[in-house]
């Protein structure tokens, strides 16, 4: 076993800098933002046919960083807000990549390097649309086992209220988590089901946010 392997060492494994220096939270957030930005670039290339496989290793590193930072207790208010913003942005990207990935599989898109370079030179490539989705769905039988998705749903809920001009609900993440855990248990007991589906959606016609929970058959 390698001695001295700690949180700082994990952070600096694939970044420049001394492995024996504990990174600050600002440095970790900057690194997370950098990886999300790079991941988006690589997914853009993959989705227009420039690569055969998605950037799974980089995405795994982003997921790991987010999971670790979700347990962080040292956040100042501004740092917490930035982290929540990054997680919400990443969640939007993931949903977009999932949809575009399905389209790519259906169309069987795969271009050669020459074709891709020609597209770039002639301005035929463009950034993927990153408008926030209108709905977030979480299906779970144990919310406590997936804090990353809970955080993403919490961020989506707050952002959705801001988008329609409302104030976000007066609760922090811990209260939201307990609410979801309680509702999950209540619905499972009442309907004798295993899974519960939670959804947050933006009704553009009525300009309001809808939050629902139901059994998932």
N, C-alpha and C. Protein backbone atom coordinates (compact mmCIF):
# COMPACT_ATOMS: atom_id res chain seq x y z
N UNK A 1 0.85 -1.20 0.00
CA UNK A 1 0.00 0.00 0.00
C UNK A 1 0.88 1.24 0.00
N UNK A 2 0.55 2.21 -0.81
CA UNK A 2 1.33 3.43 -0.88
C UNK A 2 0.94 4.33 0.28
N UNK A 3 1.92 4.77 1.05
CA UNK A 3 1.62 5.62 2.19
C UNK A 3 1.32 7.03 1.72
N UNK A 4 0.54 7.75 2.52
CA UNK A 4 0.24 9.14 2.20
C UNK A 4 -0.79 9.32 1.11
N UNK A 5 -1.51 8.26 0.74
CA UNK A 5 -2.53 8.38 -0.30
C UNK A 5 -3.79 8.96 0.33
N UNK A 6 -4.07 10.21 0.04
CA UNK A 6 -5.20 10.88 0.67
C UNK A 6 -5.98 11.66 -0.37
N UNK A 7 -6.91 12.48 0.12
CA UNK A 7 -7.78 13.23 -0.76
C UNK A 7 -7.00 14.15 -1.68
N UNK A 8 -5.93 14.75 -1.14
CA UNK A 8 -5.12 15.64 -1.97
C UNK A 8 -4.44 14.86 -3.08
N UNK A 9 -3.93 13.66 -2.74
CA UNK A 9 -3.26 12.84 -3.75
C UNK A 9 -4.22 12.47 -4.87
N UNK A 10 -5.46 12.09 -4.52
CA UNK A 10 -6.44 11.72 -5.54
C UNK A 10 -6.70 12.89 -6.47
N UNK A 11 -6.77 14.09 -5.91
CA UNK A 11 -7.09 15.26 -6.72
C UNK A 11 -6.00 15.56 -7.73
N UNK A 12 -4.75 15.38 -7.31
CA UNK A 12 -3.65 15.77 -8.17
C UNK A 12 -3.16 14.66 -9.09
N UNK A 13 -3.79 13.51 -9.09
CA UNK A 13 -3.31 12.39 -9.89
C UNK A 13 -3.14 12.74 -11.35
N UNK A 14 -4.13 13.44 -11.93
CA UNK A 14 -4.05 13.73 -13.35
C UNK A 14 -4.06 15.23 -13.61
N UNK A 15 -3.57 16.01 -12.66
CA UNK A 15 -3.44 17.44 -12.86
C UNK A 15 -2.02 17.85 -12.51
N UNK A 16 -1.63 19.02 -12.96
CA UNK A 16 -0.30 19.50 -12.65
C UNK A 16 -0.28 20.06 -11.24
N UNK A 17 0.80 19.81 -10.51
CA UNK A 17 0.89 20.35 -9.17
C UNK A 17 1.44 19.32 -8.22
N UNK A 18 1.86 19.73 -7.05
CA UNK A 18 2.46 18.82 -6.08
C UNK A 18 1.41 17.92 -5.44
N UNK A 19 1.72 16.63 -5.33
CA UNK A 19 0.76 15.68 -4.78
C UNK A 19 0.67 15.77 -3.27
N UNK A 20 1.63 16.47 -2.62
CA UNK A 20 1.61 16.53 -1.16
C UNK A 20 0.94 17.79 -0.65
N UNK A 21 0.35 18.59 -1.55
CA UNK A 21 -0.32 19.83 -1.13
C UNK A 21 -1.82 19.63 -1.19
N UNK A 22 -2.50 19.91 -0.08
CA UNK A 22 -3.94 19.78 -0.05
C UNK A 22 -4.58 20.89 -0.89
N UNK A 23 -5.35 20.55 -1.92
CA UNK A 23 -5.98 21.58 -2.75
C UNK A 23 -7.05 22.32 -1.96
N UNK A 24 -7.21 23.58 -2.26
CA UNK A 24 -8.27 24.35 -1.63
C UNK A 24 -9.59 24.01 -2.32
N UNK A 25 -10.70 24.38 -1.70
CA UNK A 25 -12.00 24.14 -2.32
C UNK A 25 -12.14 24.92 -3.62
N UNK A 26 -11.59 26.12 -3.66
CA UNK A 26 -11.65 26.91 -4.89
C UNK A 26 -10.90 26.20 -6.01
N UNK A 27 -9.77 25.58 -5.68
CA UNK A 27 -9.00 24.85 -6.69
C UNK A 27 -9.77 23.61 -7.16
N UNK A 28 -10.43 22.93 -6.24
CA UNK A 28 -11.20 21.75 -6.62
C UNK A 28 -12.38 22.13 -7.51
N UNK A 29 -13.04 23.23 -7.18
CA UNK A 29 -14.17 23.68 -8.00
C UNK A 29 -13.69 24.11 -9.38
N UNK A 30 -12.53 24.76 -9.43
CA UNK A 30 -11.97 25.16 -10.72
C UNK A 30 -11.62 23.94 -11.56
N UNK A 31 -11.08 22.91 -10.90
CA UNK A 31 -10.74 21.67 -11.61
C UNK A 31 -12.00 20.97 -12.10
N UNK A 32 -13.05 20.95 -11.28
CA UNK A 32 -14.31 20.34 -11.69
C UNK A 32 -14.88 21.06 -12.90
N UNK A 33 -14.87 22.38 -12.86
CA UNK A 33 -15.39 23.17 -13.98
C UNK A 33 -14.58 22.90 -15.25
N UNK A 34 -13.26 22.77 -15.10
CA UNK A 34 -12.38 22.48 -16.23
C UNK A 34 -12.71 21.12 -16.84
N UNK A 35 -12.93 20.12 -15.99
CA UNK A 35 -13.23 18.77 -16.50
C UNK A 35 -14.59 18.73 -17.18
N UNK A 36 -15.57 19.42 -16.61
CA UNK A 36 -16.89 19.45 -17.24
C UNK A 36 -16.80 20.12 -18.62
N UNK A 37 -16.04 21.20 -18.69
CA UNK A 37 -15.86 21.90 -19.97
C UNK A 37 -15.17 20.99 -21.00
N UNK A 38 -14.11 20.29 -20.57
CA UNK A 38 -13.41 19.38 -21.47
C UNK A 38 -14.30 18.21 -21.88
N UNK A 39 -15.09 17.72 -20.92
CA UNK A 39 -15.99 16.61 -21.21
C UNK A 39 -17.02 17.01 -22.27
N UNK A 40 -17.52 18.23 -22.18
CA UNK A 40 -18.49 18.71 -23.17
C UNK A 40 -17.86 18.77 -24.56
N UNK A 41 -16.61 19.24 -24.63
CA UNK A 41 -15.91 19.30 -25.91
C UNK A 41 -15.77 17.91 -26.51
N UNK A 42 -15.36 16.94 -25.68
CA UNK A 42 -15.16 15.59 -26.18
C UNK A 42 -16.48 14.92 -26.57
N UNK A 43 -17.55 15.21 -25.83
CA UNK A 43 -18.86 14.68 -26.21
C UNK A 43 -19.35 15.30 -27.51
N UNK A 44 -19.09 16.59 -27.71
CA UNK A 44 -19.48 17.24 -28.96
C UNK A 44 -18.82 16.53 -30.15
N UNK A 45 -17.53 16.22 -29.99
CA UNK A 45 -16.79 15.53 -31.05
C UNK A 45 -17.37 14.14 -31.29
N UNK A 46 -17.65 13.43 -30.19
CA UNK A 46 -18.22 12.08 -30.30
C UNK A 46 -19.59 12.11 -30.99
N UNK A 47 -20.42 13.07 -30.62
CA UNK A 47 -21.80 13.09 -31.12
C UNK A 47 -21.92 13.53 -32.57
N UNK A 48 -20.90 14.21 -33.09
CA UNK A 48 -20.94 14.55 -34.52
C UNK A 48 -20.19 13.51 -35.35
N UNK A 49 -19.76 12.43 -34.69
CA UNK A 49 -19.16 11.32 -35.42
C UNK A 49 -17.65 11.33 -35.48
N UNK A 50 -17.00 12.18 -34.67
CA UNK A 50 -15.54 12.27 -34.72
C UNK A 50 -14.83 11.18 -33.94
N UNK A 51 -15.55 10.50 -33.04
CA UNK A 51 -14.96 9.41 -32.26
C UNK A 51 -15.95 8.26 -32.20
N UNK A 52 -15.41 7.04 -32.03
CA UNK A 52 -16.27 5.86 -31.99
C UNK A 52 -16.94 5.68 -30.64
N UNK A 53 -16.27 6.08 -29.57
CA UNK A 53 -16.81 5.84 -28.23
C UNK A 53 -16.86 7.14 -27.44
N UNK A 54 -17.80 7.25 -26.50
CA UNK A 54 -17.89 8.45 -25.67
C UNK A 54 -16.74 8.50 -24.67
N UNK A 55 -16.43 9.69 -24.13
CA UNK A 55 -15.31 9.84 -23.19
C UNK A 55 -15.67 9.34 -21.79
N UNK A 56 -15.77 8.02 -21.64
CA UNK A 56 -16.25 7.44 -20.38
C UNK A 56 -15.29 7.68 -19.22
N UNK A 57 -13.98 7.61 -19.48
CA UNK A 57 -13.03 7.78 -18.38
C UNK A 57 -13.10 9.18 -17.79
N UNK A 58 -13.18 10.18 -18.66
CA UNK A 58 -13.27 11.56 -18.18
C UNK A 58 -14.59 11.78 -17.46
N UNK A 59 -15.67 11.20 -17.99
CA UNK A 59 -16.97 11.35 -17.33
C UNK A 59 -16.95 10.68 -15.95
N UNK A 60 -16.28 9.55 -15.85
CA UNK A 60 -16.18 8.86 -14.56
C UNK A 60 -15.43 9.72 -13.55
N UNK A 61 -14.39 10.43 -14.01
CA UNK A 61 -13.63 11.28 -13.10
C UNK A 61 -14.48 12.46 -12.62
N UNK A 62 -15.34 12.98 -13.51
CA UNK A 62 -16.25 14.06 -13.11
C UNK A 62 -17.25 13.56 -12.08
N UNK A 63 -17.82 12.38 -12.33
CA UNK A 63 -18.78 11.80 -11.39
C UNK A 63 -18.13 11.59 -10.02
N UNK A 64 -16.89 11.12 -10.02
CA UNK A 64 -16.18 10.87 -8.76
C UNK A 64 -15.94 12.16 -7.99
N UNK A 65 -15.54 13.21 -8.71
CA UNK A 65 -15.31 14.50 -8.05
C UNK A 65 -16.60 15.04 -7.44
N UNK A 66 -17.69 14.96 -8.19
CA UNK A 66 -18.97 15.46 -7.69
C UNK A 66 -19.40 14.67 -6.46
N UNK A 67 -19.26 13.35 -6.53
CA UNK A 67 -19.65 12.50 -5.40
C UNK A 67 -18.86 12.88 -4.15
N UNK A 68 -17.57 13.13 -4.32
CA UNK A 68 -16.73 13.48 -3.17
C UNK A 68 -17.11 14.85 -2.61
N UNK A 69 -17.35 15.81 -3.50
CA UNK A 69 -17.66 17.17 -3.05
C UNK A 69 -19.05 17.27 -2.43
N UNK A 70 -19.94 16.33 -2.76
CA UNK A 70 -21.26 16.33 -2.13
C UNK A 70 -21.16 16.13 -0.62
N UNK A 71 -20.09 15.47 -0.19
CA UNK A 71 -19.89 15.21 1.25
C UNK A 71 -19.06 16.30 1.92
N UNK A 72 -18.68 17.31 1.15
CA UNK A 72 -17.82 18.37 1.69
C UNK A 72 -18.59 19.26 2.68
N UNK A 73 -17.99 19.49 3.83
CA UNK A 73 -18.64 20.29 4.88
C UNK A 73 -18.03 21.69 5.01
N UNK A 74 -16.97 21.98 4.25
CA UNK A 74 -16.25 23.25 4.44
C UNK A 74 -16.70 24.35 3.49
N UNK A 75 -17.72 24.09 2.68
CA UNK A 75 -18.14 25.08 1.70
C UNK A 75 -18.59 26.39 2.35
N UNK A 76 -18.09 27.50 1.82
CA UNK A 76 -18.67 28.80 2.13
C UNK A 76 -19.89 28.96 1.22
N UNK A 77 -20.71 29.97 1.48
CA UNK A 77 -21.94 30.12 0.71
C UNK A 77 -21.66 30.25 -0.78
N UNK A 78 -20.70 31.10 -1.15
CA UNK A 78 -20.40 31.33 -2.57
C UNK A 78 -19.88 30.05 -3.22
N UNK A 79 -19.07 29.29 -2.49
CA UNK A 79 -18.54 28.04 -3.03
C UNK A 79 -19.65 27.02 -3.21
N UNK A 80 -20.56 26.94 -2.25
CA UNK A 80 -21.69 26.01 -2.35
C UNK A 80 -22.56 26.36 -3.54
N UNK A 81 -22.79 27.65 -3.75
CA UNK A 81 -23.61 28.08 -4.88
C UNK A 81 -22.93 27.71 -6.20
N UNK A 82 -21.62 27.93 -6.29
CA UNK A 82 -20.91 27.58 -7.52
C UNK A 82 -20.96 26.08 -7.78
N UNK A 83 -20.79 25.29 -6.72
CA UNK A 83 -20.83 23.84 -6.87
C UNK A 83 -22.21 23.39 -7.36
N UNK A 84 -23.26 23.93 -6.76
CA UNK A 84 -24.62 23.57 -7.18
C UNK A 84 -24.87 23.96 -8.63
N UNK A 85 -24.33 25.11 -9.03
CA UNK A 85 -24.48 25.56 -10.41
C UNK A 85 -23.78 24.59 -11.37
N UNK A 86 -22.58 24.15 -11.00
CA UNK A 86 -21.84 23.21 -11.84
C UNK A 86 -22.57 21.87 -11.94
N UNK A 87 -23.12 21.40 -10.82
CA UNK A 87 -23.84 20.12 -10.84
C UNK A 87 -25.09 20.22 -11.71
N UNK A 88 -25.81 21.34 -11.60
CA UNK A 88 -27.01 21.53 -12.41
C UNK A 88 -26.64 21.58 -13.90
N UNK A 89 -25.56 22.28 -14.22
CA UNK A 89 -25.11 22.35 -15.62
C UNK A 89 -24.73 20.97 -16.13
N UNK A 90 -23.99 20.24 -15.31
CA UNK A 90 -23.56 18.89 -15.70
C UNK A 90 -24.76 17.96 -15.89
N UNK A 91 -25.76 18.08 -15.03
CA UNK A 91 -26.96 17.25 -15.16
C UNK A 91 -27.69 17.55 -16.46
N UNK A 92 -27.75 18.83 -16.83
CA UNK A 92 -28.37 19.21 -18.10
C UNK A 92 -27.60 18.62 -19.28
N UNK A 93 -26.27 18.70 -19.20
CA UNK A 93 -25.44 18.13 -20.26
C UNK A 93 -25.67 16.62 -20.38
N UNK A 94 -25.71 15.94 -19.24
CA UNK A 94 -25.87 14.48 -19.26
C UNK A 94 -27.17 14.07 -19.94
N UNK A 95 -28.24 14.79 -19.63
CA UNK A 95 -29.53 14.47 -20.26
C UNK A 95 -29.46 14.73 -21.76
N UNK A 96 -28.81 15.82 -22.14
CA UNK A 96 -28.66 16.14 -23.56
C UNK A 96 -27.82 15.09 -24.26
N UNK A 97 -26.71 14.68 -23.63
CA UNK A 97 -25.84 13.66 -24.23
C UNK A 97 -26.58 12.34 -24.39
N UNK A 98 -27.42 12.01 -23.41
CA UNK A 98 -28.18 10.76 -23.50
C UNK A 98 -29.10 10.77 -24.73
N UNK A 99 -29.82 11.88 -24.90
CA UNK A 99 -30.74 11.98 -26.04
C UNK A 99 -29.99 11.99 -27.36
N UNK A 100 -28.92 12.80 -27.43
CA UNK A 100 -28.15 12.88 -28.67
C UNK A 100 -27.45 11.55 -28.96
N UNK A 101 -27.05 10.84 -27.89
CA UNK A 101 -26.40 9.55 -28.08
C UNK A 101 -27.35 8.54 -28.70
N UNK A 102 -28.61 8.57 -28.27
CA UNK A 102 -29.61 7.68 -28.86
C UNK A 102 -29.82 7.99 -30.33
N UNK A 103 -29.87 9.29 -30.66
CA UNK A 103 -30.02 9.69 -32.06
C UNK A 103 -28.82 9.22 -32.88
N UNK A 104 -27.64 9.34 -32.29
CA UNK A 104 -26.42 8.93 -33.00
C UNK A 104 -26.45 7.44 -33.30
N UNK A 105 -26.89 6.63 -32.32
CA UNK A 105 -26.96 5.19 -32.53
C UNK A 105 -27.97 4.85 -33.63
N UNK A 106 -29.10 5.55 -33.63
CA UNK A 106 -30.13 5.28 -34.63
C UNK A 106 -29.65 5.64 -36.04
N UNK A 107 -28.88 6.74 -36.13
CA UNK A 107 -28.42 7.19 -37.45
C UNK A 107 -27.12 6.53 -37.87
N UNK A 108 -26.41 5.93 -36.89
CA UNK A 108 -25.14 5.27 -37.21
C UNK A 108 -24.08 6.23 -37.70
N UNK A 109 -24.00 7.42 -37.08
CA UNK A 109 -23.05 8.44 -37.53
C UNK A 109 -21.63 8.06 -37.13
N UNK A 110 -20.72 8.08 -38.09
CA UNK A 110 -19.30 7.90 -37.82
C UNK A 110 -18.54 8.51 -38.98
N UNK A 111 -17.78 9.55 -38.71
CA UNK A 111 -17.08 10.26 -39.78
C UNK A 111 -15.58 10.05 -39.66
N UNK A 112 -14.91 10.11 -40.79
CA UNK A 112 -13.45 10.00 -40.80
C UNK A 112 -12.84 11.31 -40.32
N UNK A 113 -11.54 11.27 -40.01
CA UNK A 113 -10.86 12.50 -39.59
C UNK A 113 -10.90 13.55 -40.69
N UNK A 114 -10.80 13.10 -41.95
CA UNK A 114 -10.83 14.04 -43.07
C UNK A 114 -12.19 14.73 -43.17
N UNK A 115 -13.27 13.95 -43.00
CA UNK A 115 -14.61 14.54 -43.05
C UNK A 115 -14.82 15.52 -41.91
N UNK A 116 -14.36 15.13 -40.72
CA UNK A 116 -14.52 15.98 -39.55
C UNK A 116 -13.76 17.29 -39.72
N UNK A 117 -12.52 17.20 -40.23
CA UNK A 117 -11.71 18.39 -40.44
C UNK A 117 -12.36 19.31 -41.47
N UNK A 118 -12.93 18.71 -42.52
CA UNK A 118 -13.61 19.50 -43.54
C UNK A 118 -14.81 20.22 -42.96
N UNK A 119 -15.55 19.55 -42.08
CA UNK A 119 -16.70 20.18 -41.44
C UNK A 119 -16.28 21.38 -40.60
N UNK A 120 -15.16 21.21 -39.87
CA UNK A 120 -14.66 22.30 -39.03
C UNK A 120 -14.22 23.48 -39.89
N UNK A 121 -13.49 23.19 -40.97
CA UNK A 121 -12.98 24.25 -41.83
C UNK A 121 -14.10 25.03 -42.51
N UNK A 122 -15.19 24.35 -42.83
CA UNK A 122 -16.30 25.01 -43.52
C UNK A 122 -17.39 25.49 -42.56
N UNK A 123 -17.08 25.40 -41.26
CA UNK A 123 -18.03 25.92 -40.28
C UNK A 123 -19.31 25.12 -40.18
N UNK A 124 -19.24 23.82 -40.47
CA UNK A 124 -20.45 23.01 -40.45
C UNK A 124 -20.72 22.37 -39.10
N UNK A 125 -19.76 22.49 -38.19
CA UNK A 125 -20.00 21.99 -36.84
C UNK A 125 -20.47 23.15 -35.98
N UNK A 126 -21.26 22.85 -34.98
CA UNK A 126 -21.74 23.90 -34.08
C UNK A 126 -21.92 23.30 -32.70
N UNK A 127 -21.83 24.12 -31.67
CA UNK A 127 -22.01 23.60 -30.31
C UNK A 127 -23.40 23.01 -30.14
N UNK A 128 -23.51 21.97 -29.33
CA UNK A 128 -24.82 21.40 -29.05
C UNK A 128 -25.66 22.38 -28.26
N UNK A 129 -26.96 22.34 -28.48
CA UNK A 129 -27.85 23.20 -27.71
C UNK A 129 -27.78 22.80 -26.24
N UNK A 130 -27.68 23.79 -25.37
CA UNK A 130 -27.56 23.49 -23.95
C UNK A 130 -28.66 24.17 -23.14
N UNK A 131 -29.79 24.41 -23.76
CA UNK A 131 -30.91 24.98 -23.02
C UNK A 131 -31.35 23.99 -21.95
N UNK A 132 -31.66 24.47 -20.76
CA UNK A 132 -32.03 23.55 -19.69
C UNK A 132 -33.29 22.76 -20.04
N UNK A 133 -33.35 21.49 -19.68
CA UNK A 133 -34.53 20.68 -19.97
C UNK A 133 -35.71 21.15 -19.13
N UNK A 134 -36.92 20.78 -19.55
CA UNK A 134 -38.14 21.20 -18.84
C UNK A 134 -38.60 20.20 -17.80
N UNK A 135 -37.91 19.06 -17.70
CA UNK A 135 -38.35 18.05 -16.74
C UNK A 135 -37.17 17.26 -16.20
N UNK A 136 -37.25 16.94 -14.91
CA UNK A 136 -36.25 16.10 -14.26
C UNK A 136 -36.99 14.96 -13.58
N UNK A 137 -36.56 13.73 -13.84
CA UNK A 137 -37.24 12.56 -13.27
C UNK A 137 -36.23 11.72 -12.50
N UNK A 138 -36.63 11.31 -11.31
CA UNK A 138 -35.80 10.42 -10.49
C UNK A 138 -36.65 9.23 -10.07
N UNK A 139 -36.20 8.03 -10.41
CA UNK A 139 -36.86 6.80 -9.99
C UNK A 139 -35.95 6.12 -8.97
N UNK A 140 -36.50 5.84 -7.79
CA UNK A 140 -35.64 5.32 -6.72
C UNK A 140 -36.41 4.42 -5.77
N UNK A 141 -35.68 3.54 -5.11
CA UNK A 141 -36.24 2.78 -4.00
C UNK A 141 -35.48 3.08 -2.71
N UNK A 142 -34.40 3.87 -2.86
CA UNK A 142 -33.58 4.25 -1.71
C UNK A 142 -32.85 5.55 -2.03
N UNK A 143 -33.47 6.70 -1.81
CA UNK A 143 -32.86 7.98 -2.17
C UNK A 143 -31.49 8.21 -1.53
N UNK A 144 -31.30 7.69 -0.32
CA UNK A 144 -30.03 7.91 0.37
C UNK A 144 -28.85 7.27 -0.36
N UNK A 145 -29.14 6.30 -1.22
CA UNK A 145 -28.07 5.61 -1.94
C UNK A 145 -27.59 6.38 -3.16
N UNK A 146 -28.30 7.45 -3.52
CA UNK A 146 -27.92 8.21 -4.73
C UNK A 146 -27.96 9.71 -4.44
N UNK A 147 -27.07 10.20 -3.57
CA UNK A 147 -27.09 11.62 -3.20
C UNK A 147 -26.80 12.55 -4.38
N UNK A 148 -26.05 12.06 -5.37
CA UNK A 148 -25.74 12.92 -6.52
C UNK A 148 -27.00 13.27 -7.30
N UNK A 149 -27.87 12.28 -7.52
CA UNK A 149 -29.11 12.55 -8.24
C UNK A 149 -30.07 13.39 -7.41
N UNK A 150 -30.07 13.17 -6.09
CA UNK A 150 -30.89 14.01 -5.21
C UNK A 150 -30.46 15.46 -5.29
N UNK A 151 -29.14 15.68 -5.27
CA UNK A 151 -28.62 17.04 -5.37
C UNK A 151 -28.99 17.65 -6.72
N UNK A 152 -28.90 16.86 -7.78
CA UNK A 152 -29.24 17.36 -9.11
C UNK A 152 -30.72 17.74 -9.18
N UNK A 153 -31.59 16.92 -8.58
CA UNK A 153 -33.02 17.23 -8.59
C UNK A 153 -33.31 18.48 -7.76
N UNK A 154 -32.64 18.62 -6.63
CA UNK A 154 -32.80 19.80 -5.78
C UNK A 154 -32.38 21.06 -6.54
N UNK A 155 -31.25 20.98 -7.23
CA UNK A 155 -30.77 22.13 -8.01
C UNK A 155 -31.73 22.45 -9.15
N UNK A 156 -32.24 21.40 -9.80
CA UNK A 156 -33.18 21.60 -10.91
C UNK A 156 -34.45 22.28 -10.40
N UNK A 157 -34.94 21.85 -9.23
CA UNK A 157 -36.15 22.43 -8.65
C UNK A 157 -35.96 23.92 -8.38
N UNK A 158 -34.84 24.28 -7.77
CA UNK A 158 -34.57 25.69 -7.48
C UNK A 158 -34.43 26.50 -8.76
N UNK A 159 -33.71 25.94 -9.73
CA UNK A 159 -33.50 26.65 -10.99
C UNK A 159 -34.82 26.81 -11.74
N UNK A 160 -35.68 25.78 -11.68
CA UNK A 160 -36.97 25.85 -12.37
C UNK A 160 -37.82 26.99 -11.82
N UNK A 161 -37.82 27.16 -10.50
CA UNK A 161 -38.58 28.25 -9.90
C UNK A 161 -38.04 29.61 -10.35
N UNK A 162 -36.73 29.72 -10.44
CA UNK A 162 -36.15 30.99 -10.89
C UNK A 162 -36.52 31.27 -12.35
N UNK A 163 -36.59 30.21 -13.16
CA UNK A 163 -36.91 30.39 -14.58
C UNK A 163 -38.32 30.93 -14.79
N UNK A 164 -39.25 30.60 -13.89
CA UNK A 164 -40.62 31.10 -14.04
C UNK A 164 -40.86 32.35 -13.19
N UNK A 165 -39.80 32.86 -12.56
CA UNK A 165 -39.92 34.09 -11.80
C UNK A 165 -40.35 33.93 -10.36
N UNK A 166 -40.30 32.70 -9.83
CA UNK A 166 -40.68 32.44 -8.44
C UNK A 166 -39.44 32.33 -7.56
N UNK A 167 -39.66 32.49 -6.27
CA UNK A 167 -38.59 32.22 -5.32
C UNK A 167 -38.49 30.71 -5.10
N UNK A 168 -37.29 30.17 -4.98
CA UNK A 168 -37.14 28.73 -4.71
C UNK A 168 -37.78 28.37 -3.38
N UNK A 169 -38.14 27.11 -3.17
CA UNK A 169 -38.72 26.67 -1.89
C UNK A 169 -37.81 27.01 -0.72
N UNK A 170 -38.41 27.33 0.40
CA UNK A 170 -37.64 27.72 1.58
C UNK A 170 -37.15 26.48 2.33
N UNK A 171 -36.18 25.80 1.74
CA UNK A 171 -35.59 24.63 2.38
C UNK A 171 -34.18 24.42 1.84
N UNK A 172 -33.32 23.88 2.70
CA UNK A 172 -31.98 23.56 2.25
C UNK A 172 -31.96 22.11 1.75
N UNK A 173 -30.79 21.67 1.31
CA UNK A 173 -30.71 20.33 0.72
C UNK A 173 -31.05 19.24 1.72
N UNK A 174 -30.63 19.40 2.97
CA UNK A 174 -30.90 18.37 3.98
C UNK A 174 -32.40 18.17 4.19
N UNK A 175 -33.15 19.27 4.25
CA UNK A 175 -34.61 19.17 4.41
C UNK A 175 -35.23 18.52 3.18
N UNK A 176 -34.73 18.89 2.01
CA UNK A 176 -35.24 18.31 0.77
C UNK A 176 -34.97 16.80 0.74
N UNK A 177 -33.76 16.42 1.13
CA UNK A 177 -33.41 14.99 1.15
C UNK A 177 -34.33 14.21 2.08
N UNK A 178 -34.58 14.76 3.27
CA UNK A 178 -35.45 14.08 4.23
C UNK A 178 -36.88 13.98 3.71
N UNK A 179 -37.33 15.03 3.01
CA UNK A 179 -38.66 15.01 2.42
C UNK A 179 -38.79 13.89 1.39
N UNK A 180 -37.80 13.76 0.52
CA UNK A 180 -37.83 12.72 -0.51
C UNK A 180 -37.77 11.33 0.13
N UNK A 181 -36.93 11.17 1.14
CA UNK A 181 -36.82 9.87 1.81
C UNK A 181 -38.14 9.50 2.48
N UNK A 182 -38.78 10.49 3.12
CA UNK A 182 -40.06 10.23 3.81
C UNK A 182 -41.16 9.87 2.81
N UNK A 183 -41.25 10.65 1.72
CA UNK A 183 -42.29 10.38 0.72
C UNK A 183 -42.07 9.03 0.05
N UNK A 184 -40.81 8.67 -0.17
CA UNK A 184 -40.51 7.37 -0.77
C UNK A 184 -41.02 6.24 0.12
N UNK A 185 -40.73 6.34 1.40
CA UNK A 185 -41.16 5.31 2.33
C UNK A 185 -42.69 5.25 2.43
N UNK A 186 -43.35 6.41 2.45
CA UNK A 186 -44.81 6.46 2.55
C UNK A 186 -45.47 5.80 1.33
N UNK A 187 -44.99 6.14 0.14
CA UNK A 187 -45.59 5.61 -1.08
C UNK A 187 -45.33 4.11 -1.21
N UNK A 188 -44.14 3.68 -0.85
CA UNK A 188 -43.82 2.25 -0.93
C UNK A 188 -44.71 1.44 0.00
N UNK A 189 -44.95 1.96 1.20
CA UNK A 189 -45.80 1.25 2.16
C UNK A 189 -47.26 1.26 1.71
N UNK A 190 -47.73 2.40 1.23
CA UNK A 190 -49.13 2.53 0.86
C UNK A 190 -49.50 1.66 -0.33
N UNK A 191 -48.63 1.64 -1.35
CA UNK A 191 -48.96 0.93 -2.59
C UNK A 191 -48.24 -0.41 -2.74
N UNK A 192 -47.47 -0.79 -1.74
CA UNK A 192 -46.74 -2.07 -1.77
C UNK A 192 -45.86 -2.18 -3.02
N UNK A 193 -45.23 -1.09 -3.37
CA UNK A 193 -44.38 -1.08 -4.56
C UNK A 193 -42.92 -0.95 -4.14
N UNK A 194 -42.04 -1.18 -5.09
CA UNK A 194 -40.61 -1.05 -4.79
C UNK A 194 -40.08 0.33 -5.15
N UNK A 195 -40.46 0.82 -6.34
CA UNK A 195 -39.88 2.07 -6.82
C UNK A 195 -40.88 3.22 -6.77
N UNK A 196 -40.34 4.41 -6.55
CA UNK A 196 -41.14 5.63 -6.54
C UNK A 196 -40.53 6.59 -7.56
N UNK A 197 -41.40 7.24 -8.31
CA UNK A 197 -40.94 8.19 -9.33
C UNK A 197 -41.25 9.62 -8.88
N UNK A 198 -40.21 10.44 -8.80
CA UNK A 198 -40.35 11.86 -8.50
C UNK A 198 -40.08 12.64 -9.78
N UNK A 199 -40.86 13.68 -10.01
CA UNK A 199 -40.63 14.49 -11.20
C UNK A 199 -40.80 15.97 -10.87
N UNK A 200 -39.92 16.77 -11.46
CA UNK A 200 -40.01 18.22 -11.39
C UNK A 200 -40.11 18.71 -12.82
N UNK A 201 -41.14 19.49 -13.13
CA UNK A 201 -41.32 19.94 -14.50
C UNK A 201 -41.71 21.41 -14.54
N UNK A 202 -41.40 22.03 -15.67
CA UNK A 202 -41.76 23.43 -15.90
C UNK A 202 -42.89 23.45 -16.92
N UNK A 203 -44.05 23.93 -16.51
CA UNK A 203 -45.19 24.06 -17.41
C UNK A 203 -45.10 25.43 -18.08
N UNK A 204 -44.67 25.43 -19.34
CA UNK A 204 -44.48 26.70 -20.04
C UNK A 204 -45.79 27.41 -20.33
N UNK A 205 -46.88 26.65 -20.45
CA UNK A 205 -48.19 27.26 -20.73
C UNK A 205 -48.71 28.02 -19.52
N UNK A 206 -48.59 27.40 -18.34
CA UNK A 206 -49.07 28.04 -17.12
C UNK A 206 -47.97 28.79 -16.39
N UNK A 207 -46.74 28.67 -16.90
CA UNK A 207 -45.58 29.34 -16.31
C UNK A 207 -45.45 29.03 -14.81
N UNK A 208 -45.45 27.74 -14.50
CA UNK A 208 -45.28 27.34 -13.11
C UNK A 208 -44.54 26.02 -13.04
N UNK A 209 -44.05 25.73 -11.84
CA UNK A 209 -43.28 24.51 -11.60
C UNK A 209 -44.19 23.47 -10.95
N UNK A 210 -44.10 22.23 -11.44
CA UNK A 210 -44.89 21.14 -10.88
C UNK A 210 -43.96 20.09 -10.30
N UNK A 211 -44.28 19.66 -9.09
CA UNK A 211 -43.50 18.62 -8.42
C UNK A 211 -44.44 17.48 -8.07
N UNK A 212 -44.10 16.26 -8.49
CA UNK A 212 -45.01 15.13 -8.28
C UNK A 212 -44.24 13.90 -7.83
N UNK A 213 -44.95 13.04 -7.10
CA UNK A 213 -44.39 11.75 -6.67
C UNK A 213 -45.46 10.69 -6.87
N UNK A 214 -45.07 9.55 -7.45
CA UNK A 214 -46.02 8.48 -7.69
C UNK A 214 -45.30 7.14 -7.70
N UNK A 215 -46.07 6.07 -7.57
CA UNK A 215 -45.46 4.75 -7.62
C UNK A 215 -45.00 4.46 -9.04
N UNK A 216 -43.93 3.71 -9.15
CA UNK A 216 -43.40 3.32 -10.45
C UNK A 216 -43.59 1.83 -10.61
N UNK A 217 -44.47 1.45 -11.53
CA UNK A 217 -44.77 0.03 -11.72
C UNK A 217 -43.66 -0.67 -12.49
